C-alpha cells in the first residue's frame, strides 16, 4: 500500500501538531516558573529554553525526513508485495496465526 500525498501530509501534520503541542506546553511551563529565583531553577530554565529553541528549529527538518522515510518504506513494501504476492499472503497468515495463538494462551 503506497502512501499518497494526502496520507503523507496527514502524517506530517499529526507529527508536527504533536511536537508543537509539546513545545507550547514547555513554553507555558517556562512562563509559570518565571518567578522562581533559586539558581537551580534558573539553570534548569536556561537549559530548557535552549532545548526548546533547538526543537523549534529542527521540527520542520524532522517532520520532512519522517515523511520521506515512511514514503520510501511504503514504496518498498508495495513493490515487494507486488512482486511476491503469495509470499506476502503467507507471511500475513503466519503473523495472524501467531497473534491468534498468543491471544488464545492469554485467556
PDB file of N, CA and C in Angstrom:
ATOM      1  N   UNK A   1       0.853  -1.172   0.000  1.00  0.00           N
ATOM      2  CA  UNK A   1       0.000   0.000   0.000  1.00  0.00           C
ATOM      3  C   UNK A   1       0.896   1.231   0.000  1.00  0.00           C
ATOM      4  N   UNK A   2       0.834   2.000  -1.026  1.00  0.00           N
ATOM      5  CA  UNK A   2       1.676   3.198  -1.138  1.00  0.00           C
ATOM      6  C   UNK A   2       1.042   4.348  -0.393  1.00  0.00           C
ATOM      7  N   UNK A   3       1.899   5.192   0.149  1.00  0.00           N
ATOM      8  CA  UNK A   3       1.418   6.398   0.821  1.00  0.00           C
ATOM      9  C   UNK A   3       1.279   7.484  -0.227  1.00  0.00           C
ATOM     10  N   UNK A   4       0.068   8.008  -0.362  1.00  0.00           N
ATOM     11  CA  UNK A   4      -0.119   9.083  -1.316  1.00  0.00           C
ATOM     12  C   UNK A   4       0.189  10.422  -0.645  1.00  0.00           C
ATOM     13  N   UNK A   5       0.098  11.488  -1.415  1.00  0.00           N
ATOM     14  CA  UNK A   5       0.451  12.810  -0.890  1.00  0.00           C
ATOM     15  C   UNK A   5      -0.433  13.218   0.274  1.00  0.00           C
ATOM     16  N   UNK A   6      -1.722  12.868   0.220  1.00  0.00           N
ATOM     17  CA  UNK A   6      -2.626  13.239   1.308  1.00  0.00           C
ATOM     18  C   UNK A   6      -2.260  12.500   2.596  1.00  0.00           C
ATOM     19  N   UNK A   7      -1.948  11.226   2.488  1.00  0.00           N
ATOM     20  CA  UNK A   7      -1.551  10.448   3.666  1.00  0.00           C
ATOM     21  C   UNK A   7      -0.251  10.979   4.247  1.00  0.00           C
ATOM     22  N   UNK A   8       0.702  11.275   3.382  1.00  0.00           N
ATOM     23  CA  UNK A   8       1.976  11.815   3.849  1.00  0.00           C
ATOM     24  C   UNK A   8       1.772  13.158   4.536  1.00  0.00           C
ATOM     25  N   UNK A   9       0.916  13.974   3.970  1.00  0.00           N
ATOM     26  CA  UNK A   9       0.635  15.290   4.575  1.00  0.00           C
ATOM     27  C   UNK A   9      -0.033  15.112   5.932  1.00  0.00           C
ATOM     28  N   UNK A  10      -0.944  14.145   6.023  1.00  0.00           N
ATOM     29  CA  UNK A  10      -1.626  13.885   7.296  1.00  0.00           C
ATOM     30  C   UNK A  10      -0.637  13.400   8.359  1.00  0.00           C
ATOM     31  N   UNK A  11       0.261  12.506   7.967  1.00  0.00           N
ATOM     32  CA  UNK A  11       1.290  12.016   8.894  1.00  0.00           C
ATOM     33  C   UNK A  11       2.154  13.174   9.370  1.00  0.00           C
ATOM     34  N   UNK A  12       2.605  13.987   8.423  1.00  0.00           N
ATOM     35  CA  UNK A  12       3.456  15.125   8.761  1.00  0.00           C
ATOM     36  C   UNK A  12       2.721  16.093   9.682  1.00  0.00           C
ATOM     37  N   UNK A  13       1.458  16.381   9.355  1.00  0.00           N
ATOM     38  CA  UNK A  13       0.682  17.317  10.167  1.00  0.00           C
ATOM     39  C   UNK A  13       0.440  16.788  11.577  1.00  0.00           C
ATOM     40  N   UNK A  14       0.167  15.482  11.693  1.00  0.00           N
ATOM     41  CA  UNK A  14      -0.042  14.888  13.020  1.00  0.00           C
ATOM     42  C   UNK A  14       1.229  14.956  13.857  1.00  0.00           C
ATOM     43  N   UNK A  15       2.353  14.631  13.230  1.00  0.00           N
ATOM     44  CA  UNK A  15       3.634  14.676  13.932  1.00  0.00           C
ATOM     45  C   UNK A  15       3.973  16.108  14.328  1.00  0.00           C
ATOM     46  N   UNK A  16       3.821  17.008  13.392  1.00  0.00           N
ATOM     47  CA  UNK A  16       4.123  18.417  13.677  1.00  0.00           C
ATOM     48  C   UNK A  16       3.188  18.961  14.749  1.00  0.00           C
ATOM     49  N   UNK A  17       1.925  18.585  14.689  1.00  0.00           N
ATOM     50  CA  UNK A  17       0.964  19.053  15.696  1.00  0.00           C
ATOM     51  C   UNK A  17       1.320  18.570  17.094  1.00  0.00           C
ATOM     52  N   UNK A  18       1.728  17.316  17.186  1.00  0.00           N
ATOM     53  CA  UNK A  18       2.126  16.775  18.487  1.00  0.00           C
ATOM     54  C   UNK A  18       3.357  17.474  19.038  1.00  0.00           C
ATOM     55  N   UNK A  19       4.334  17.685  18.184  1.00  0.00           N
ATOM     56  CA  UNK A  19       5.553  18.360  18.634  1.00  0.00           C
ATOM     57  C   UNK A  19       5.283  19.816  18.983  1.00  0.00           C
ATOM     58  N   UNK A  20       4.434  20.472  18.219  1.00  0.00           N
ATOM     59  CA  UNK A  20       4.088  21.865  18.530  1.00  0.00           C
ATOM     60  C   UNK A  20       3.364  21.954  19.875  1.00  0.00           C
ATOM     61  N   UNK A  21       2.542  20.958  20.155  1.00  0.00           N
ATOM     62  CA  UNK A  21       1.843  20.924  21.439  1.00  0.00           C
ATOM     63  C   UNK A  21       2.832  20.789  22.598  1.00  0.00           C
ATOM     64  N   UNK A  22       3.828  19.928  22.429  1.00  0.00           N
ATOM     65  CA  UNK A  22       4.866  19.759  23.458  1.00  0.00           C
ATOM     66  C   UNK A  22       5.639  21.074  23.636  1.00  0.00           C
ATOM     67  N   UNK A  23       5.949  21.712  22.542  1.00  0.00           N
ATOM     68  CA  UNK A  23       6.678  22.993  22.607  1.00  0.00           C
ATOM     69  C   UNK A  23       5.838  24.037  23.337  1.00  0.00           C
ATOM     70  N   UNK A  24       4.556  24.101  23.016  1.00  0.00           N
ATOM     71  CA  UNK A  24       3.680  25.069  23.672  1.00  0.00           C
ATOM     72  C   UNK A  24       3.572  24.789  25.177  1.00  0.00           C
ATOM     73  N   UNK A  25       3.424  23.515  25.539  1.00  0.00           N
ATOM     74  CA  UNK A  25       3.354  23.155  26.955  1.00  0.00           C
ATOM     75  C   UNK A  25       4.650  23.529  27.680  1.00  0.00           C
ATOM     76  N   UNK A  26       5.775  23.327  27.014  1.00  0.00           N
ATOM     77  CA  UNK A  26       7.060  23.676  27.611  1.00  0.00           C
ATOM     78  C   UNK A  26       7.181  25.179  27.803  1.00  0.00           C
ATOM     79  N   UNK A  27       6.717  25.944  26.819  1.00  0.00           N
ATOM     80  CA  UNK A  27       6.745  27.396  26.959  1.00  0.00           C
ATOM     81  C   UNK A  27       5.872  27.858  28.125  1.00  0.00           C
ATOM     82  N   UNK A  28       4.714  27.226  28.273  1.00  0.00           N
ATOM     83  CA  UNK A  28       3.834  27.558  29.392  1.00  0.00           C
ATOM     84  C   UNK A  28       4.499  27.223  30.732  1.00  0.00           C
ATOM     85  N   UNK A  29       5.198  26.096  30.778  1.00  0.00           N
ATOM     86  CA  UNK A  29       5.917  25.714  31.992  1.00  0.00           C
ATOM     87  C   UNK A  29       7.006  26.733  32.316  1.00  0.00           C
ATOM     88  N   UNK A  30       7.713  27.160  31.288  1.00  0.00           N
ATOM     89  CA  UNK A  30       8.748  28.179  31.498  1.00  0.00           C
ATOM     90  C   UNK A  30       8.148  29.464  32.039  1.00  0.00           C
ATOM     91  N   UNK A  31       7.012  29.869  31.486  1.00  0.00           N
ATOM     92  CA  UNK A  31       6.346  31.084  31.960  1.00  0.00           C
ATOM     93  C   UNK A  31       5.861  30.929  33.406  1.00  0.00           C
ATOM     94  N   UNK A  32       5.358  29.754  33.743  1.00  0.00           N
ATOM     95  CA  UNK A  32       4.827  29.520  35.087  1.00  0.00           C
ATOM     96  C   UNK A  32       5.928  29.512  36.144  1.00  0.00           C
ATOM     97  N   UNK A  33       7.139  29.148  35.754  1.00  0.00           N
ATOM     98  CA  UNK A  33       8.241  29.087  36.721  1.00  0.00           C
ATOM     99  C   UNK A  33       9.147  30.312  36.638  1.00  0.00           C
ATOM    100  N   UNK A  34       8.681  31.343  35.973  1.00  0.00           N
ATOM    101  CA  UNK A  34       9.483  32.545  35.763  1.00  0.00           C
ATOM    102  C   UNK A  34       9.847  33.244  37.080  1.00  0.00           C
ATOM    103  N   UNK A  35       8.995  33.137  38.080  1.00  0.00           N
ATOM    104  CA  UNK A  35       9.243  33.848  39.339  1.00  0.00           C
ATOM    105  C   UNK A  35      10.125  33.072  40.315  1.00  0.00           C
ATOM    106  N   UNK A  36      10.599  31.911  39.941  1.00  0.00           N
ATOM    107  CA  UNK A  36      11.491  31.138  40.802  1.00  0.00           C
ATOM    108  C   UNK A  36      12.873  31.789  40.777  1.00  0.00           C
ATOM    109  N   UNK A  37      13.404  32.055  41.933  1.00  0.00           N
ATOM    110  CA  UNK A  37      14.660  32.804  41.979  1.00  0.00           C
ATOM    111  C   UNK A  37      15.881  31.942  42.331  1.00  0.00           C
ATOM    112  N   UNK A  38      15.675  30.694  42.682  1.00  0.00           N
ATOM    113  CA  UNK A  38      16.807  29.851  43.052  1.00  0.00           C
ATOM    114  C   UNK A  38      17.682  29.586  41.829  1.00  0.00           C
ATOM    115  N   UNK A  39      18.968  29.461  42.075  1.00  0.00           N
ATOM    116  CA  UNK A  39      19.920  29.254  40.987  1.00  0.00           C
ATOM    117  C   UNK A  39      19.635  27.979  40.196  1.00  0.00           C
ATOM    118  N   UNK A  40      19.223  26.919  40.885  1.00  0.00           N
ATOM    119  CA  UNK A  40      18.971  25.665  40.177  1.00  0.00           C
ATOM    120  C   UNK A  40      17.784  25.808  39.223  1.00  0.00           C
ATOM    121  N   UNK A  41      16.778  26.594  39.600  1.00  0.00           N
ATOM    122  CA  UNK A  41      15.655  26.837  38.696  1.00  0.00           C
ATOM    123  C   UNK A  41      16.105  27.657  37.491  1.00  0.00           C
ATOM    124  N   UNK A  42      16.932  28.655  37.750  1.00  0.00           N
ATOM    125  CA  UNK A  42      17.421  29.491  36.654  1.00  0.00           C
ATOM    126  C   UNK A  42      18.241  28.663  35.670  1.00  0.00           C
ATOM    127  N   UNK A  43      19.110  27.806  36.194  1.00  0.00           N
ATOM    128  CA  UNK A  43      19.931  26.955  35.337  1.00  0.00           C
ATOM    129  C   UNK A  43      19.054  25.989  34.533  1.00  0.00           C
ATOM    130  N   UNK A  44      18.098  25.382  35.202  1.00  0.00           N
ATOM    131  CA  UNK A  44      17.199  24.446  34.520  1.00  0.00           C
ATOM    132  C   UNK A  44      16.372  25.164  33.454  1.00  0.00           C
ATOM    133  N   UNK A  45      15.911  26.372  33.762  1.00  0.00           N
ATOM    134  CA  UNK A  45      15.132  27.149  32.791  1.00  0.00           C
ATOM    135  C   UNK A  45      15.972  27.487  31.562  1.00  0.00           C
ATOM    136  N   UNK A  46      17.210  27.854  31.759  1.00  0.00           N
ATOM    137  CA  UNK A  46      18.078  28.208  30.631  1.00  0.00           C
ATOM    138  C   UNK A  46      18.347  26.985  29.750  1.00  0.00           C
ATOM    139  N   UNK A  47      18.586  25.849  30.388  1.00  0.00           N
ATOM    140  CA  UNK A  47      18.800  24.614  29.614  1.00  0.00           C
ATOM    141  C   UNK A  47      17.543  24.257  28.824  1.00  0.00           C
ATOM    142  N   UNK A  48      16.384  24.396  29.467  1.00  0.00           N
ATOM    143  CA  UNK A  48      15.120  24.084  28.807  1.00  0.00           C
ATOM    144  C   UNK A  48      14.847  25.053  27.654  1.00  0.00           C
ATOM    145  N   UNK A  49      15.157  26.320  27.852  1.00  0.00           N
ATOM    146  CA  UNK A  49      14.978  27.300  26.774  1.00  0.00           C
ATOM    147  C   UNK A  49      15.849  26.950  25.570  1.00  0.00           C
ATOM    148  N   UNK A  50      17.086  26.562  25.821  1.00  0.00           N
ATOM    149  CA  UNK A  50      17.985  26.188  24.736  1.00  0.00           C
ATOM    150  C   UNK A  50      17.467  24.955  23.996  1.00  0.00           C
ATOM    151  N   UNK A  51      17.024  23.960  24.754  1.00  0.00           N
ATOM    152  CA  UNK A  51      16.469  22.750  24.140  1.00  0.00           C
ATOM    153  C   UNK A  51      15.209  23.078  23.334  1.00  0.00           C
ATOM    154  N   UNK A  52      14.400  23.982  23.848  1.00  0.00           N
ATOM    155  CA  UNK A  52      13.176  24.383  23.161  1.00  0.00           C
ATOM    156  C   UNK A  52      13.482  25.098  21.853  1.00  0.00           C
ATOM    157  N   UNK A  53      14.468  25.967  21.864  1.00  0.00           N
ATOM    158  CA  UNK A  53      14.865  26.658  20.632  1.00  0.00           C
ATOM    159  C   UNK A  53      15.378  25.660  19.594  1.00  0.00           C
ATOM    160  N   UNK A  54      16.136  24.684  20.041  1.00  0.00           N
ATOM    161  CA  UNK A  54      16.635  23.655  19.128  1.00  0.00           C
ATOM    162  C   UNK A  54      15.475  22.856  18.546  1.00  0.00           C
ATOM    163  N   UNK A  55      14.529  22.489  19.394  1.00  0.00           N
ATOM    164  CA  UNK A  55      13.373  21.720  18.928  1.00  0.00           C
ATOM    165  C   UNK A  55      12.566  22.511  17.896  1.00  0.00           C
ATOM    166  N   UNK A  56      12.378  23.792  18.132  1.00  0.00           N
ATOM    167  CA  UNK A  56      11.627  24.623  17.187  1.00  0.00           C
ATOM    168  C   UNK A  56      12.325  24.698  15.834  1.00  0.00           C
ATOM    169  N   UNK A  57      13.636  24.816  15.849  1.00  0.00           N
ATOM    170  CA  UNK A  57      14.358  24.948  14.579  1.00  0.00           C
ATOM    171  C   UNK A  57      14.457  23.617  13.839  1.00  0.00           C
ATOM    172  N   UNK A  58      14.462  22.510  14.577  1.00  0.00           N
ATOM    173  CA  UNK A  58      14.612  21.191  13.955  1.00  0.00           C
ATOM    174  C   UNK A  58      13.282  20.570  13.535  1.00  0.00           C
ATOM    175  N   UNK A  59      12.165  21.072  14.039  1.00  0.00           N
ATOM    176  CA  UNK A  59      10.851  20.477  13.769  1.00  0.00           C
ATOM    177  C   UNK A  59      10.572  20.301  12.276  1.00  0.00           C
ATOM    178  N   UNK A  60      10.738  21.308  11.444  1.00  0.00           N
ATOM    179  CA  UNK A  60      10.442  21.106  10.013  1.00  0.00           C
ATOM    180  C   UNK A  60      11.345  20.054   9.362  1.00  0.00           C
ATOM    181  N   UNK A  61      12.603  20.021   9.746  1.00  0.00           N
ATOM    182  CA  UNK A  61      13.529  19.048   9.169  1.00  0.00           C
ATOM    183  C   UNK A  61      13.135  17.626   9.563  1.00  0.00           C
ATOM    184  N   UNK A  62      12.801  17.445  10.831  1.00  0.00           N
ATOM    185  CA  UNK A  62      12.458  16.111  11.336  1.00  0.00           C
ATOM    186  C   UNK A  62      11.175  15.599  10.696  1.00  0.00           C
ATOM    187  N   UNK A  63      10.166  16.451  10.603  1.00  0.00           N
ATOM    188  CA  UNK A  63       8.904  16.001  10.010  1.00  0.00           C
ATOM    189  C   UNK A  63       9.086  15.650   8.537  1.00  0.00           C
ATOM    190  N   UNK A  64       9.872  16.448   7.812  1.00  0.00           N
ATOM    191  CA  UNK A  64      10.109  16.168   6.401  1.00  0.00           C
ATOM    192  C   UNK A  64      10.835  14.830   6.232  1.00  0.00           C
ATOM    193  N   UNK A  65      11.845  14.600   7.066  1.00  0.00           N
ATOM    194  CA  UNK A  65      12.607  13.355   6.975  1.00  0.00           C
ATOM    195  C   UNK A  65      11.729  12.147   7.327  1.00  0.00           C
ATOM    196  N   UNK A  66      10.879  12.288   8.337  1.00  0.00           N
ATOM    197  CA  UNK A  66       9.993  11.185   8.730  1.00  0.00           C
ATOM    198  C   UNK A  66       9.025  10.836   7.606  1.00  0.00           C
ATOM    199  N   UNK A  67       8.489  11.839   6.954  1.00  0.00           N
ATOM    200  CA  UNK A  67       7.562  11.587   5.851  1.00  0.00           C
ATOM    201  C   UNK A  67       8.287  10.921   4.689  1.00  0.00           C
ATOM    202  N   UNK A  68       9.494  11.383   4.387  1.00  0.00           N
ATOM    203  CA  UNK A  68      10.264  10.777   3.298  1.00  0.00           C
ATOM    204  C   UNK A  68      10.564   9.297   3.574  1.00  0.00           C
ATOM    205  N   UNK A  69      10.953   9.001   4.812  1.00  0.00           N
ATOM    206  CA  UNK A  69      11.270   7.609   5.161  1.00  0.00           C
ATOM    207  C   UNK A  69      10.024   6.730   5.119  1.00  0.00           C
ATOM    208  N   UNK A  70       8.890   7.258   5.586  1.00  0.00           N
ATOM    209  CA  UNK A  70       7.666   6.458   5.564  1.00  0.00           C
ATOM    210  C   UNK A  70       7.201   6.235   4.122  1.00  0.00           C
ATOM    211  N   UNK A  71       7.380   7.227   3.257  1.00  0.00           N
ATOM    212  CA  UNK A  71       7.039   7.039   1.846  1.00  0.00           C
ATOM    213  C   UNK A  71       7.918   5.956   1.221  1.00  0.00           C
ATOM    214  N   UNK A  72       9.203   6.004   1.529  1.00  0.00           N
ATOM    215  CA  UNK A  72      10.131   5.009   0.972  1.00  0.00           C
ATOM    216  C   UNK A  72       9.772   3.608   1.469  1.00  0.00           C
ATOM    217  N   UNK A  73       9.494   3.475   2.750  1.00  0.00           N
ATOM    218  CA  UNK A  73       9.139   2.170   3.310  1.00  0.00           C
ATOM    219  C   UNK A  73       7.860   1.645   2.665  1.00  0.00           C
ATOM    220  N   UNK A  74       6.894   2.523   2.472  1.00  0.00           N
ATOM    221  CA  UNK A  74       5.646   2.102   1.836  1.00  0.00           C
ATOM    222  C   UNK A  74       5.885   1.688   0.387  1.00  0.00           C
ATOM    223  N   UNK A  75       6.732   2.414  -0.305  1.00  0.00           N
ATOM    224  CA  UNK A  75       7.040   2.076  -1.697  1.00  0.00           C
ATOM    225  C   UNK A  75       7.732   0.714  -1.805  1.00  0.00           C
ATOM    226  N   UNK A  76       8.722   0.508  -0.936  1.00  0.00           N
ATOM    227  CA  UNK A  76       9.451  -0.765  -0.950  1.00  0.00           C
ATOM    228  C   UNK A  76       8.509  -1.922  -0.627  1.00  0.00           C
ATOM    229  N   UNK A  77       7.653  -1.731   0.356  1.00  0.00           N
ATOM    230  CA  UNK A  77       6.688  -2.767   0.724  1.00  0.00           C
ATOM    231  C   UNK A  77       5.733  -3.050  -0.431  1.00  0.00           C
ATOM    232  N   UNK A  78       5.255  -1.992  -1.051  1.00  0.00           N
ATOM    233  CA  UNK A  78       4.345  -2.145  -2.184  1.00  0.00           C
ATOM    234  C   UNK A  78       5.010  -2.906  -3.327  1.00  0.00           C
ATOM    235  N   UNK A  79       6.258  -2.583  -3.599  1.00  0.00           N
ATOM    236  CA  UNK A  79       6.997  -3.278  -4.653  1.00  0.00           C
ATOM    237  C   UNK A  79       7.179  -4.762  -4.313  1.00  0.00           C
ATOM    238  N   UNK A  80       7.549  -5.053  -3.084  1.00  0.00           N
ATOM    239  CA  UNK A  80       7.771  -6.443  -2.670  1.00  0.00           C
ATOM    240  C   UNK A  80       6.481  -7.250  -2.774  1.00  0.00           C
ATOM    241  N   UNK A  81       5.391  -6.678  -2.263  1.00  0.00           N
ATOM    242  CA  UNK A  81       4.115  -7.392  -2.301  1.00  0.00           C
ATOM    243  C   UNK A  81       3.663  -7.586  -3.744  1.00  0.00           C
ATOM    244  N   UNK A  82       3.904  -6.583  -4.585  1.00  0.00           N
ATOM    245  CA  UNK A  82       3.535  -6.711  -5.997  1.00  0.00           C
ATOM    246  C   UNK A  82       4.331  -7.795  -6.703  1.00  0.00           C
ATOM    247  N   UNK A  83       5.596  -7.921  -6.339  1.00  0.00           N
ATOM    248  CA  UNK A  83       6.457  -8.932  -6.955  1.00  0.00           C
ATOM    249  C   UNK A  83       6.279 -10.320  -6.346  1.00  0.00           C
ATOM    250  N   UNK A  84       5.870 -10.382  -5.099  1.00  0.00           N
ATOM    251  CA  UNK A  84       5.757 -11.655  -4.365  1.00  0.00           C
ATOM    252  C   UNK A  84       4.429 -11.740  -3.623  1.00  0.00           C
ATOM    253  N   UNK A  85       3.301 -11.751  -4.335  1.00  0.00           N
ATOM    254  CA  UNK A  85       2.006 -11.710  -3.632  1.00  0.00           C
ATOM    255  C   UNK A  85       1.758 -12.921  -2.737  1.00  0.00           C
ATOM    256  N   UNK A  86       2.169 -14.096  -3.153  1.00  0.00           N
ATOM    257  CA  UNK A  86       1.898 -15.280  -2.339  1.00  0.00           C
ATOM    258  C   UNK A  86       2.792 -15.346  -1.110  1.00  0.00           C
ATOM    259  N   UNK A  87       3.996 -14.862  -1.240  1.00  0.00           N
ATOM    260  CA  UNK A  87       4.849 -14.776  -0.057  1.00  0.00           C
ATOM    261  C   UNK A  87       4.240 -13.812   0.957  1.00  0.00           C
ATOM    262  N   UNK A  88       3.732 -12.693   0.463  1.00  0.00           N
ATOM    263  CA  UNK A  88       3.117 -11.696   1.353  1.00  0.00           C
ATOM    264  C   UNK A  88       1.892 -12.276   2.050  1.00  0.00           C
ATOM    265  N   UNK A  89       1.079 -13.019   1.298  1.00  0.00           N
ATOM    266  CA  UNK A  89      -0.102 -13.654   1.894  1.00  0.00           C
ATOM    267  C   UNK A  89       0.336 -14.673   2.951  1.00  0.00           C
ATOM    268  N   UNK A  90       1.363 -15.456   2.644  1.00  0.00           N
ATOM    269  CA  UNK A  90       1.863 -16.442   3.603  1.00  0.00           C
ATOM    270  C   UNK A  90       2.400 -15.804   4.871  1.00  0.00           C
ATOM    271  N   UNK A  91       3.164 -14.728   4.730  1.00  0.00           N
ATOM    272  CA  UNK A  91       3.700 -14.030   5.906  1.00  0.00           C
ATOM    273  C   UNK A  91       2.563 -13.447   6.728  1.00  0.00           C
ATOM    274  N   UNK A  92       1.584 -12.835   6.067  1.00  0.00           N
ATOM    275  CA  UNK A  92       0.442 -12.252   6.791  1.00  0.00           C
ATOM    276  C   UNK A  92      -0.335 -13.339   7.527  1.00  0.00           C
ATOM    277  N   UNK A  93      -0.521 -14.488   6.882  1.00  0.00           N
ATOM    278  CA  UNK A  93      -1.237 -15.595   7.532  1.00  0.00           C
ATOM    279  C   UNK A  93      -0.459 -16.122   8.736  1.00  0.00           C
ATOM    280  N   UNK A  94       0.858 -16.229   8.589  1.00  0.00           N
ATOM    281  CA  UNK A  94       1.686 -16.708   9.704  1.00  0.00           C
ATOM    282  C   UNK A  94       1.633 -15.743  10.880  1.00  0.00           C
ATOM    283  N   UNK A  95       1.708 -14.480  10.584  1.00  0.00           N
ATOM    284  CA  UNK A  95       1.624 -13.479  11.660  1.00  0.00           C
ATOM    285  C   UNK A  95       0.259 -13.547  12.332  1.00  0.00           C
ATOM    286  N   UNK A  96      -0.787 -13.677  11.530  1.00  0.00           N
ATOM    287  CA  UNK A  96      -2.133 -13.804  12.094  1.00  0.00           C
ATOM    288  C   UNK A  96      -2.270 -15.029  12.975  1.00  0.00           C
ATOM    289  N   UNK A  97      -1.687 -16.128  12.541  1.00  0.00           N
ATOM    290  CA  UNK A  97      -1.720 -17.364  13.329  1.00  0.00           C
ATOM    291  C   UNK A  97      -0.979 -17.174  14.661  1.00  0.00           C
ATOM    292  N   UNK A  98       0.198 -16.579  14.601  1.00  0.00           N
ATOM    293  CA  UNK A  98       0.972 -16.340  15.833  1.00  0.00           C
ATOM    294  C   UNK A  98       0.218 -15.424  16.800  1.00  0.00           C
ATOM    295  N   UNK A  99      -0.369 -14.379  16.276  1.00  0.00           N
ATOM    296  CA  UNK A  99      -1.136 -13.461  17.135  1.00  0.00           C
ATOM    297  C   UNK A  99      -2.312 -14.196  17.750  1.00  0.00           C
ATOM    298  N   UNK A 100      -2.986 -15.024  16.963  1.00  0.00           N
ATOM    299  CA  UNK A 100      -4.101 -15.806  17.480  1.00  0.00           C
ATOM    300  C   UNK A 100      -3.694 -16.752  18.593  1.00  0.00           C
ATOM    301  N   UNK A 101      -2.547 -17.404  18.418  1.00  0.00           N
ATOM    302  CA  UNK A 101      -2.037 -18.319  19.444  1.00  0.00           C
ATOM    303  C   UNK A 101      -1.709 -17.559  20.718  1.00  0.00           C
ATOM    304  N   UNK A 102      -1.040 -16.433  20.580  1.00  0.00           N
ATOM    305  CA  UNK A 102      -0.682 -15.635  21.754  1.00  0.00           C
ATOM    306  C   UNK A 102      -1.919 -15.136  22.483  1.00  0.00           C
ATOM    307  N   UNK A 103      -2.890 -14.655  21.734  1.00  0.00           N
ATOM    308  CA  UNK A 103      -4.132 -14.179  22.362  1.00  0.00           C
ATOM    309  C   UNK A 103      -4.879 -15.343  23.015  1.00  0.00           C
ATOM    310  N   UNK A 104      -4.904 -16.498  22.339  1.00  0.00           N
ATOM    311  CA  UNK A 104      -5.594 -17.661  22.888  1.00  0.00           C
ATOM    312  C   UNK A 104      -4.975 -18.155  24.165  1.00  0.00           C
ATOM    313  N   UNK A 105      -3.662 -18.076  24.287  1.00  0.00           N
ATOM    314  CA  UNK A 105      -2.992 -18.528  25.505  1.00  0.00           C
ATOM    315  C   UNK A 105      -3.180 -17.531  26.650  1.00  0.00           C
ATOM    316  N   UNK A 106      -3.421 -16.302  26.312  1.00  0.00           N
ATOM    317  CA  UNK A 106      -3.595 -15.275  27.333  1.00  0.00           C
ATOM    318  C   UNK A 106      -4.909 -15.378  28.086  1.00  0.00           C
ATOM    319  N   UNK A 107      -5.858 -16.098  27.524  1.00  0.00           N
ATOM    320  CA  UNK A 107      -7.187 -16.186  28.167  1.00  0.00           C
ATOM    321  C   UNK A 107      -7.274 -17.295  29.139  1.00  0.00           C
TER     322      UNK A 107
END
